[in-house]
Protein backbone atom coordinates (compact mmCIF):
# COMPACT_ATOMS: atom_id res chain seq x y z
CA MET A 1 -48.73 47.34 -87.20
CA PRO A 2 -50.23 51.16 -86.61
CA SER A 3 -49.79 52.11 -83.17
CA THR A 4 -52.90 54.28 -83.02
CA CYS A 5 -56.02 53.91 -80.89
CA CYS A 6 -58.49 51.37 -81.98
CA SER A 7 -61.70 53.05 -83.83
CA VAL A 8 -64.39 50.73 -81.77
CA PRO A 9 -66.27 52.38 -79.20
CA GLN A 10 -65.23 52.01 -75.63
CA CYS A 11 -61.82 50.14 -76.69
CA SER A 12 -58.69 51.76 -75.56
CA ASN A 13 -56.35 49.43 -77.30
CA ARG A 14 -53.48 50.47 -79.29
CA GLY A 15 -52.57 48.88 -82.68
CA GLY A 16 -54.20 46.78 -84.66
CA HIS A 17 -55.14 46.07 -88.62
CA VAL A 18 -56.16 48.88 -90.97
CA PHE A 19 -59.37 49.09 -92.71
CA PRO A 20 -59.41 47.25 -96.01
CA LYS A 21 -59.38 48.90 -99.20
CA ASP A 22 -61.98 46.82 -100.86
CA GLU A 23 -65.33 49.10 -100.31
CA LYS A 24 -67.68 46.24 -99.68
CA LEU A 25 -65.71 44.91 -97.10
CA LYS A 26 -64.81 48.32 -95.43
CA LYS A 27 -68.49 49.05 -95.12
CA LYS A 28 -69.12 45.64 -93.51
CA TRP A 29 -66.26 46.50 -90.98
CA ILE A 30 -67.81 50.27 -90.21
CA LYS A 31 -71.26 48.50 -89.87
CA ALA A 32 -69.69 46.13 -87.52
CA ILE A 33 -68.02 48.30 -85.17
CA ARG A 34 -71.30 50.48 -84.56
CA ARG A 35 -69.48 53.84 -84.60
CA ASN A 36 -71.67 56.86 -85.81
CA SER A 37 -70.54 60.39 -86.53
CA ASP A 38 -72.08 63.38 -84.72
CA LYS A 39 -74.84 63.81 -87.57
CA ASN A 40 -76.13 60.09 -86.71
CA LYS A 41 -74.24 58.90 -90.14
CA TYR A 42 -72.16 56.08 -90.36
CA TRP A 43 -68.43 57.36 -89.33
CA LYS A 44 -65.87 57.17 -92.06
CA PRO A 45 -62.42 55.96 -91.31
CA SER A 46 -59.01 57.56 -92.07
CA LYS A 47 -56.02 55.80 -93.60
CA SER A 48 -54.72 55.74 -90.27
CA SER A 49 -57.66 54.20 -88.28
CA ILE A 50 -57.41 50.44 -87.00
CA VAL A 51 -59.65 47.75 -85.41
CA CYS A 52 -57.28 45.74 -82.55
CA LYS A 53 -57.17 42.20 -82.93
CA SER A 54 -59.30 41.56 -79.71
CA HIS A 55 -62.16 42.07 -82.01
CA PHE A 56 -61.87 39.17 -84.18
CA LYS A 57 -62.03 35.46 -83.68
CA PRO A 58 -59.17 33.25 -83.76
CA THR A 59 -60.37 31.64 -86.95
CA ASP A 60 -60.19 34.89 -88.41
CA PHE A 61 -56.65 34.61 -88.74
CA ILE A 62 -54.36 32.50 -90.96
CA SER A 63 -52.92 29.52 -89.18
CA GLU A 64 -51.13 27.60 -91.42
CA THR A 65 -48.68 28.57 -94.17
CA SER A 66 -49.07 26.90 -97.83
CA HIS A 67 -46.40 24.44 -96.60
CA GLY A 68 -48.52 23.19 -93.84
CA THR A 69 -46.51 24.78 -90.89
CA GLU A 70 -47.63 27.14 -88.12
CA THR A 71 -47.43 30.69 -88.98
CA LEU A 72 -44.88 32.88 -86.95
CA VAL A 73 -46.73 36.24 -87.73
CA LYS A 74 -50.46 35.81 -88.06
CA ARG A 75 -52.40 37.52 -90.45
CA LEU A 76 -56.12 38.37 -91.07
CA LYS A 77 -57.95 36.17 -93.78
CA LYS A 78 -59.00 38.49 -96.80
CA GLU A 79 -62.89 37.97 -95.89
CA ALA A 80 -62.62 38.69 -91.87
CA VAL A 81 -64.85 40.94 -90.31
CA PRO A 82 -64.58 41.91 -86.52
CA SER A 83 -67.05 40.42 -84.60
CA VAL A 84 -66.23 40.15 -81.17
CA PHE A 85 -67.72 43.42 -79.21
CA PRO A 86 -69.17 44.27 -75.89
CA TRP A 87 -72.97 44.25 -77.58
CA THR A 88 -72.49 40.87 -79.17
CA ASN A 89 -72.16 38.96 -75.78
CA THR A 90 -73.84 39.66 -72.65
CA PHE A 91 -73.51 43.70 -72.89
CA ALA A 92 -76.16 46.05 -73.12
CA SER A 93 -75.85 48.65 -75.97
CA PRO A 94 -75.65 52.19 -74.45
CA THR A 95 -78.43 53.35 -76.85
CA SER A 96 -80.76 50.74 -75.97
CA LEU A 97 -80.18 51.45 -72.35
CA GLN A 98 -80.93 55.32 -73.02
CA ARG A 99 -84.01 54.58 -75.33
CA ALA A 100 -85.58 52.19 -72.51
CA THR A 101 -84.96 54.69 -70.14
CA ARG A 102 -86.84 57.40 -71.92
CA LYS A 103 -89.73 55.13 -72.56
CA THR A 104 -89.92 54.28 -68.88
CA ARG A 105 -90.22 58.11 -67.88
CA ARG A 106 -92.71 58.58 -70.50
CA GLU A 107 -94.75 55.88 -69.02
CA GLU A 108 -94.53 57.24 -65.45
CA ASN A 109 -95.27 60.69 -66.47
CA LYS A 110 -98.47 59.46 -67.93
CA SER A 111 -99.68 57.41 -65.25
CA GLY A 112 -97.86 59.12 -62.28
CA PHE A 113 -95.94 57.55 -59.37
CA ASP A 114 -98.91 56.40 -57.08
CA THR A 115 -100.19 54.06 -59.90
CA ASP A 116 -98.32 50.98 -61.00
CA SER A 117 -95.20 51.95 -58.96
CA ASP A 118 -93.99 48.44 -58.45
CA THR A 119 -93.70 48.05 -62.16
CA SER A 120 -91.96 51.04 -62.61
CA MET A 121 -89.41 50.07 -59.83
CA LYS A 122 -89.14 46.72 -61.35
CA LYS A 123 -88.21 48.30 -64.44
CA ILE A 124 -85.72 51.15 -63.15
CA ILE A 125 -84.09 48.45 -60.87
CA SER A 126 -83.62 46.04 -64.35
CA LEU A 127 -82.52 48.97 -66.06
CA ASN A 128 -79.98 49.38 -63.27
CA GLY A 129 -79.04 46.11 -63.31
CA MET A 130 -78.31 46.02 -66.82
CA LYS A 131 -76.38 49.08 -66.90
CA LYS A 132 -74.29 47.92 -63.73
CA LYS A 133 -73.68 44.53 -65.89
CA ASN A 134 -72.65 46.40 -68.74
CA GLU A 135 -69.99 48.38 -66.83
CA ASP A 136 -68.64 45.37 -64.54
CA SER A 137 -68.56 43.57 -67.89
CA GLU A 138 -66.50 46.58 -69.69
CA SER A 139 -64.24 47.15 -67.10
CA ASN A 140 -63.41 43.28 -66.97
CA LEU A 141 -62.68 43.36 -70.73
CA GLN A 142 -60.43 46.29 -70.16
CA LYS A 143 -58.72 44.85 -67.50
CA ASN A 144 -58.06 41.69 -69.12
CA GLN A 145 -56.73 43.45 -72.26
CA THR A 146 -54.69 45.77 -70.46
CA ALA A 147 -53.46 43.81 -67.41
CA PRO A 148 -49.60 43.23 -67.71
CA SER A 149 -48.25 39.56 -67.48
CA LYS A 150 -45.19 38.29 -65.55
CA ASN A 151 -44.85 35.58 -68.02
CA PRO A 152 -41.17 36.17 -69.94
CA VAL A 153 -42.47 34.62 -73.08
CA THR A 154 -44.98 36.70 -75.20
CA ASP A 155 -46.41 35.80 -78.47
CA SER A 156 -47.10 39.53 -80.03
CA ASP A 157 -49.39 38.12 -82.65
CA SER A 158 -52.00 36.32 -80.41
CA GLN A 159 -51.96 38.33 -77.38
CA THR A 160 -51.24 35.30 -75.47
CA GLN A 161 -48.35 34.82 -72.92
CA THR A 162 -47.05 31.47 -72.00
CA TRP A 163 -43.93 30.14 -70.11
CA PRO A 164 -41.24 28.07 -72.01
CA ALA A 165 -40.46 24.55 -70.55
CA LEU A 166 -37.04 25.55 -70.13
CA CYS A 167 -35.62 29.31 -69.44
CA VAL A 168 -32.40 30.43 -67.80
CA GLU A 169 -34.53 31.93 -65.17
CA LYS A 170 -35.11 28.71 -63.73
CA PHE A 171 -31.18 28.18 -62.85
CA GLU A 172 -30.43 31.33 -61.24
CA ASP A 173 -30.05 29.61 -57.71
CA ASP A 174 -29.16 26.03 -59.35
CA PRO A 175 -25.38 25.65 -60.60
CA ALA A 176 -25.70 22.08 -61.07
CA GLY A 177 -28.31 22.37 -63.45
CA MET A 178 -26.65 25.55 -65.13
CA LYS A 179 -23.54 23.53 -65.47
CA PHE A 180 -25.35 20.52 -67.02
CA TYR A 181 -27.33 22.42 -69.57
CA THR A 182 -24.81 24.85 -70.70
CA GLY A 183 -21.09 23.73 -69.29
CA LEU A 184 -20.74 26.93 -67.47
CA GLN A 185 -20.38 26.94 -63.39
CA SER A 186 -23.03 29.31 -62.35
CA HIS A 187 -25.62 31.63 -63.42
CA TYR A 188 -23.04 34.64 -62.44
CA ASP A 189 -21.00 33.06 -65.35
CA PHE A 190 -23.83 32.65 -67.48
CA THR A 191 -24.39 36.51 -67.52
CA PHE A 192 -20.54 37.57 -67.48
CA VAL A 193 -19.91 35.56 -70.56
CA LEU A 194 -23.50 37.11 -72.12
CA ALA A 195 -22.00 40.63 -71.14
CA SER A 196 -18.59 39.93 -72.90
CA LEU A 197 -20.68 40.11 -76.04
CA GLY A 198 -21.41 43.63 -75.44
CA GLU A 199 -24.88 45.77 -76.36
CA ALA A 200 -24.55 44.55 -80.05
CA ALA A 201 -26.33 41.14 -78.58
CA TYR A 202 -29.86 43.24 -78.13
CA LYS A 203 -29.62 44.72 -81.70
CA LEU A 204 -28.93 41.68 -83.80
CA ASN A 205 -29.58 41.37 -87.45
CA TYR A 206 -31.07 37.90 -87.69
CA LEU A 207 -30.69 35.57 -90.53
CA TYR A 208 -34.53 35.18 -91.44
CA PHE A 209 -36.63 37.41 -88.88
CA ARG A 210 -36.33 39.40 -85.78
CA SER A 211 -37.00 36.91 -83.14
CA GLU A 212 -39.20 38.54 -80.36
CA GLN A 213 -40.87 35.06 -78.65
CA LEU A 214 -37.56 34.61 -76.59
CA SER A 215 -35.57 37.10 -74.36
CA VAL A 216 -32.06 37.52 -75.53
CA GLU A 217 -30.88 35.76 -72.48
CA ASN A 218 -32.84 32.67 -73.32
CA GLN A 219 -31.82 32.88 -76.97
CA PHE A 220 -28.29 32.81 -75.69
CA PHE A 221 -29.19 29.97 -72.94
CA LEU A 222 -30.59 28.02 -76.56
CA LEU A 223 -27.29 28.22 -78.32
CA LEU A 224 -25.62 27.15 -75.01
CA LEU A 225 -27.86 24.40 -74.53
CA ASN A 226 -27.33 23.07 -77.93
CA TYR A 227 -23.57 23.25 -77.52
CA ALA A 228 -23.59 21.24 -74.10
CA ASN A 229 -26.15 18.57 -75.06
CA THR A 230 -26.59 18.84 -79.05
CA LYS A 231 -30.56 18.75 -79.21
CA THR A 232 -32.28 18.35 -82.12
CA ASN A 233 -34.36 21.52 -83.61
CA PHE A 234 -37.53 19.79 -82.97
CA GLU A 235 -36.87 19.09 -79.47
CA LEU A 236 -35.36 22.72 -78.85
CA SER A 237 -38.56 23.90 -80.28
CA ARG A 238 -40.53 22.29 -78.10
CA LEU A 239 -38.70 23.22 -75.00
CA PHE A 240 -38.47 27.02 -75.71
CA ASN A 241 -42.30 26.96 -77.38
CA ILE A 242 -41.15 28.24 -80.66
CA SER A 243 -41.16 26.94 -84.09
CA GLU A 244 -38.30 24.56 -85.66
CA THR A 245 -37.73 27.53 -88.09
CA ALA A 246 -37.12 30.20 -85.04
CA VAL A 247 -34.85 27.66 -83.63
CA ILE A 248 -32.47 27.43 -86.68
CA ASN A 249 -32.67 31.54 -86.99
CA ILE A 250 -31.41 31.88 -83.56
CA TRP A 251 -28.84 29.30 -83.77
CA ILE A 252 -27.21 30.50 -87.04
CA THR A 253 -27.48 34.23 -86.02
CA TRP A 254 -25.74 33.67 -82.55
CA ILE A 255 -23.11 31.41 -83.85
CA ASN A 256 -21.90 33.96 -86.45
CA PHE A 257 -22.34 36.77 -84.07
CA MET A 258 -20.29 35.39 -81.13
CA TYR A 259 -17.67 34.35 -83.82
CA HIS A 260 -17.16 37.70 -85.50
CA GLN A 261 -17.69 39.36 -81.94
CA TRP A 262 -15.24 37.65 -80.05
CA LYS A 263 -12.61 37.61 -83.09
CA GLU A 264 -12.56 41.19 -82.86
CA ILE A 265 -10.48 40.28 -78.90
CA ASN A 266 -6.87 39.90 -79.30
CA ILE A 267 -6.53 36.67 -77.23
CA TRP A 268 -2.72 36.56 -78.29
CA PRO A 269 -1.07 37.80 -74.81
CA GLU A 270 2.36 39.54 -74.68
CA ARG A 271 5.38 37.89 -73.58
CA ASP A 272 5.54 39.06 -70.37
CA LEU A 273 1.84 38.22 -69.40
CA VAL A 274 2.74 34.65 -70.63
CA ARG A 275 5.82 34.50 -68.38
CA PHE A 276 3.84 35.90 -65.35
CA PHE A 277 1.17 33.50 -65.52
CA SER A 278 3.01 30.51 -66.13
CA PRO A 279 3.46 27.69 -63.39
CA TYR A 280 6.56 28.14 -61.43
CA ASN A 281 8.11 24.52 -62.69
CA PHE A 282 6.99 25.30 -66.16
CA ARG A 283 8.82 29.05 -66.19
CA ARG A 284 11.85 27.44 -64.75
CA GLN A 285 12.54 24.46 -66.93
CA PHE A 286 10.97 26.23 -70.32
CA PRO A 287 11.03 29.89 -69.93
CA THR A 288 11.17 30.97 -73.29
CA THR A 289 7.86 29.16 -74.29
CA ARG A 290 5.18 31.46 -76.01
CA ILE A 291 2.73 28.54 -76.86
CA ILE A 292 2.07 24.99 -76.79
CA ILE A 293 0.09 23.59 -80.08
CA ASP A 294 -1.71 20.78 -80.89
CA GLY A 295 -3.93 19.36 -83.51
CA THR A 296 -7.57 17.97 -83.02
CA GLU A 297 -10.23 16.29 -85.08
CA CYS A 298 -13.92 16.22 -84.70
CA PRO A 299 -16.25 13.97 -86.57
CA ILE A 300 -18.42 14.81 -89.23
CA ARG A 301 -21.34 13.11 -91.25
CA LYS A 302 -20.01 11.76 -94.55
CA PRO A 303 -20.23 14.06 -97.24
CA ARG A 304 -22.23 12.94 -100.70
CA SER A 305 -19.78 14.81 -102.84
CA PRO A 306 -16.72 12.26 -103.43
CA ILE A 307 -14.28 15.07 -103.47
CA ALA A 308 -15.36 16.04 -100.12
CA GLN A 309 -15.50 12.58 -98.88
CA GLN A 310 -11.43 12.57 -99.94
CA SER A 311 -10.78 15.88 -98.48
CA THR A 312 -12.36 15.14 -95.10
CA PHE A 313 -11.44 11.36 -94.56
CA SER A 314 -8.81 10.95 -91.83
CA THR A 315 -6.67 7.90 -91.97
CA TYR A 316 -5.60 8.50 -87.88
CA LYS A 317 -9.48 8.39 -87.21
CA ASN A 318 -10.59 6.28 -90.15
CA ARG A 319 -13.61 8.39 -90.82
CA ASN A 320 -14.54 11.88 -92.25
CA THR A 321 -13.48 14.69 -89.81
CA ILE A 322 -12.29 18.19 -89.69
CA LYS A 323 -9.20 19.22 -88.17
CA ILE A 324 -7.89 22.46 -86.41
CA LEU A 325 -5.01 23.54 -84.75
CA VAL A 326 -5.27 24.71 -81.11
CA GLY A 327 -2.82 27.08 -79.13
CA ALA A 328 -2.55 27.49 -75.56
CA THR A 329 -0.25 29.56 -73.00
CA PRO A 330 1.48 27.60 -70.23
CA GLY A 331 -1.06 29.10 -67.96
CA GLY A 332 -3.85 27.67 -69.72
CA LEU A 333 -5.30 30.56 -71.86
CA VAL A 334 -6.13 29.61 -75.29
CA SER A 335 -4.61 32.00 -77.39
CA TYR A 336 -4.93 30.53 -80.76
CA VAL A 337 -7.57 28.57 -82.80
CA SER A 338 -7.20 27.89 -86.46
CA PRO A 339 -9.73 27.77 -89.13
CA SER A 340 -11.08 24.03 -89.77
CA TYR A 341 -9.92 22.10 -92.38
CA GLY A 342 -10.56 18.74 -94.06
CA GLY A 343 -9.31 15.74 -91.95
CA SER A 344 -6.83 14.87 -94.65
CA THR A 345 -4.87 17.87 -94.28
CA SER A 346 -1.41 17.26 -92.33
CA ASP A 347 -0.29 19.25 -89.04
CA ARG A 348 2.49 20.96 -90.90
CA GLN A 349 -0.12 22.41 -93.53
CA ILE A 350 -2.37 23.64 -91.09
CA CYS A 351 0.57 25.37 -89.29
CA GLU A 352 1.88 26.83 -92.43
CA ARG A 353 -1.28 28.41 -93.07
CA SER A 354 -1.52 29.54 -89.65
CA ARG A 355 1.01 32.20 -89.74
CA LEU A 356 2.16 31.53 -85.91
CA MET A 357 5.67 32.39 -86.96
CA THR A 358 4.76 35.93 -87.57
CA LYS A 359 2.98 35.89 -84.11
CA CYS A 360 5.74 35.06 -82.04
CA ASP A 361 8.80 37.46 -80.93
CA HIS A 362 12.42 36.39 -81.61
CA GLU A 363 13.79 33.90 -79.43
CA ASP A 364 10.49 32.46 -78.41
CA SER A 365 9.93 29.00 -78.47
CA ILE A 366 7.05 26.81 -79.27
CA MET A 367 5.96 23.37 -77.59
CA ALA A 368 4.48 20.68 -79.80
CA ASP A 369 4.23 17.15 -80.73
CA LYS A 370 6.42 14.81 -83.07
CA GLY A 371 3.84 15.32 -85.88
CA PHE A 372 4.83 19.14 -85.80
CA ASN A 373 8.19 18.86 -87.85
CA VAL A 374 8.37 22.22 -88.85
CA GLN A 375 11.78 23.72 -87.64
CA ASP A 376 12.30 24.82 -90.94
CA LEU A 377 9.26 27.16 -91.16
CA PHE A 378 9.69 29.07 -87.81
CA ALA A 379 14.34 29.08 -87.98
CA PRO A 380 14.05 32.22 -90.28
CA TYR A 381 12.10 33.73 -87.60
CA ASP A 382 14.29 32.97 -85.01
CA VAL A 383 11.65 30.64 -83.19
CA SER A 384 12.64 27.29 -81.93
CA ILE A 385 10.49 24.22 -81.71
CA ASN A 386 10.55 22.05 -78.67
CA ILE A 387 9.27 18.39 -79.50
CA PRO A 388 10.10 14.68 -78.57
CA THR A 389 13.25 13.48 -80.13
CA PHE A 390 13.05 11.35 -83.36
CA PHE A 391 14.27 7.83 -82.86
CA ARG A 392 15.17 7.74 -86.38
CA LYS A 393 17.74 4.71 -87.23
CA LYS A 394 19.20 4.76 -83.45
CA ASN A 395 19.21 1.52 -81.36
CA ARG A 396 18.97 3.75 -78.22
CA MET A 397 18.33 7.24 -77.04
CA THR A 398 20.77 9.09 -74.87
CA CYS A 399 19.93 9.76 -70.91
CA LYS A 400 19.84 13.54 -71.78
CA SER A 401 17.01 12.97 -74.68
CA VAL A 402 15.08 10.71 -72.37
CA MET A 403 15.12 13.23 -69.44
CA LYS A 404 14.43 16.19 -72.05
CA ASP A 405 11.30 14.49 -73.75
CA ARG A 406 9.84 13.31 -70.43
CA LYS A 407 9.98 16.94 -69.28
CA ILE A 408 8.24 18.18 -72.81
CA SER A 409 5.54 15.34 -72.52
CA SER A 410 4.83 16.38 -68.92
CA LYS A 411 4.26 19.99 -69.90
CA ARG A 412 2.88 19.60 -73.59
CA VAL A 413 -0.09 17.31 -71.59
CA HIS A 414 -1.85 20.82 -70.79
CA ILE A 415 -3.21 21.25 -74.24
CA GLU A 416 -4.74 17.91 -74.28
CA ARG A 417 -6.33 18.86 -71.15
CA ILE A 418 -7.64 21.99 -72.54
CA ILE A 419 -8.81 19.97 -75.84
CA GLY A 420 -10.74 17.59 -73.56
CA LEU A 421 -12.23 20.64 -71.76
CA ALA A 422 -13.46 21.87 -74.72
CA LYS A 423 -15.05 18.45 -75.89
CA THR A 424 -16.90 18.45 -72.70
CA PHE A 425 -19.34 20.07 -75.30
CA LYS A 426 -20.99 17.40 -76.92
CA ILE A 427 -21.31 19.17 -80.24
CA LEU A 428 -17.54 18.32 -80.72
CA LYS A 429 -18.01 14.58 -79.82
CA GLU A 430 -20.75 13.71 -82.00
CA PRO A 431 -20.97 14.14 -85.72
CA LEU A 432 -21.65 17.57 -87.17
CA ASN A 433 -24.33 17.70 -89.99
CA ILE A 434 -24.08 19.34 -92.94
CA ALA A 435 -25.28 22.47 -92.00
CA GLU A 436 -23.15 22.38 -89.00
CA THR A 437 -20.14 21.31 -90.79
CA LYS A 438 -20.26 24.55 -93.18
CA LEU A 439 -20.33 26.60 -89.72
CA ALA A 440 -17.15 24.06 -88.51
CA THR A 441 -14.80 27.16 -87.87
CA GLU A 442 -17.39 29.16 -85.98
CA ILE A 443 -18.39 26.49 -83.97
CA THR A 444 -14.99 25.25 -82.71
CA PHE A 445 -13.70 28.82 -82.29
CA VAL A 446 -16.45 29.36 -79.98
CA CYS A 447 -16.17 26.35 -78.03
CA PHE A 448 -12.58 27.09 -77.22
CA MET A 449 -13.35 30.62 -76.30
CA LEU A 450 -16.01 29.30 -73.75
CA CYS A 451 -13.00 27.24 -72.37
CA ASN A 452 -11.59 30.79 -71.25
CA PHE A 453 -14.49 31.78 -69.28
CA LYS A 454 -14.32 28.11 -67.24
CA ASN A 455 -12.08 27.51 -64.30
CA CYS A 456 -8.50 26.98 -65.12
CA ILE A 457 -7.62 23.34 -65.00
CA ILE A 458 -3.73 23.82 -65.32
CA PRO A 459 -2.28 22.92 -61.75
CA ALA A 460 -0.50 25.79 -60.16
CA ASN A 461 2.67 23.68 -59.34
CA SER A 462 2.75 21.99 -62.90
């Protein structure tokens, strides 16, 4: 909307609605605002002349779309005419005040001050009272129109401001509440994670429309709330006093933004850093370990397509799932998250597509479970695989093999702990719907990246 001043006399608001192009309707607007030119003629509006929304009734705006949903951007009806003015309520017109004052003075000049003094004084008192009432009403109107509000959520269309039922400001001094709703330890961690996304978080290109009803902090809070507690769009819309469309708009925009923003960060550490931050026992027993890998599956709703059902069905979970490969350093840093694949994809196929062998240096080693029988993929790159011994057709295992397998199992459990930490976000435990399944790669990556902002769960003496 234009940012010029309102054309209504005695109104100093900025921004509003331009005059209609229809000549008949435009004349109604001009007549309604009672603005006269210097020659006592009707004032003619320019192309930039506007009337602010304070002079329209709520019924003058379109409240619902053709689908029956609430409009996000309120627009005037075609036949709407401004009708809310100071002179339409308890206000007295300045012109009528001047006319009444002149009439009183003429009567006083004819009769003199000695005759009918009581009557003339009553008229003067009534006029002064009317003038004072007018000034008080105008000042109250301007005060109501210009007074700033401390509420964080503003509806720019209806000029009303309301608190959402749930907002991040309520948890500044409530670590337990912050952990429950977002999975983060405190409000400080919340602001730190948001700061890691940079200034781009305040200049997003939204999927449908720019969301101005919630602050950037509360949009991020909405996303984390859905991650940690998996609320429905309807429930989130009621908690944050926005529409369901706005919830979807914020959710999809922020998921893609966080994925692409954090994807630019190189989370694959150098060999020296991995060794420096490894626990002492781990560094002593497996000094060349660069990464510990394991696969994990997340449930999804059964697709309609038979081909999709076949590609996502997991014989291990006996349901439709997505599968990803996760890697972490011995110190507990999530350093690799693969794209999501259908549940029928084998661990070897995912490992082959991940190109982990090109990330490792010569003489590095990778720790994995038995299912990752991929020595032939890493051998050409001089990278070894530490996995438990296959029993095969042997009747018994040697003592050396048993001791080695115990050591590997005690260290490989670290990646299972990290996967368990990521699955404290309920979005990975409950079945993803069709829309979320399309964003499975982004959702899982963001979940495991959030684990890097949590306290390390790997014991220092492990």
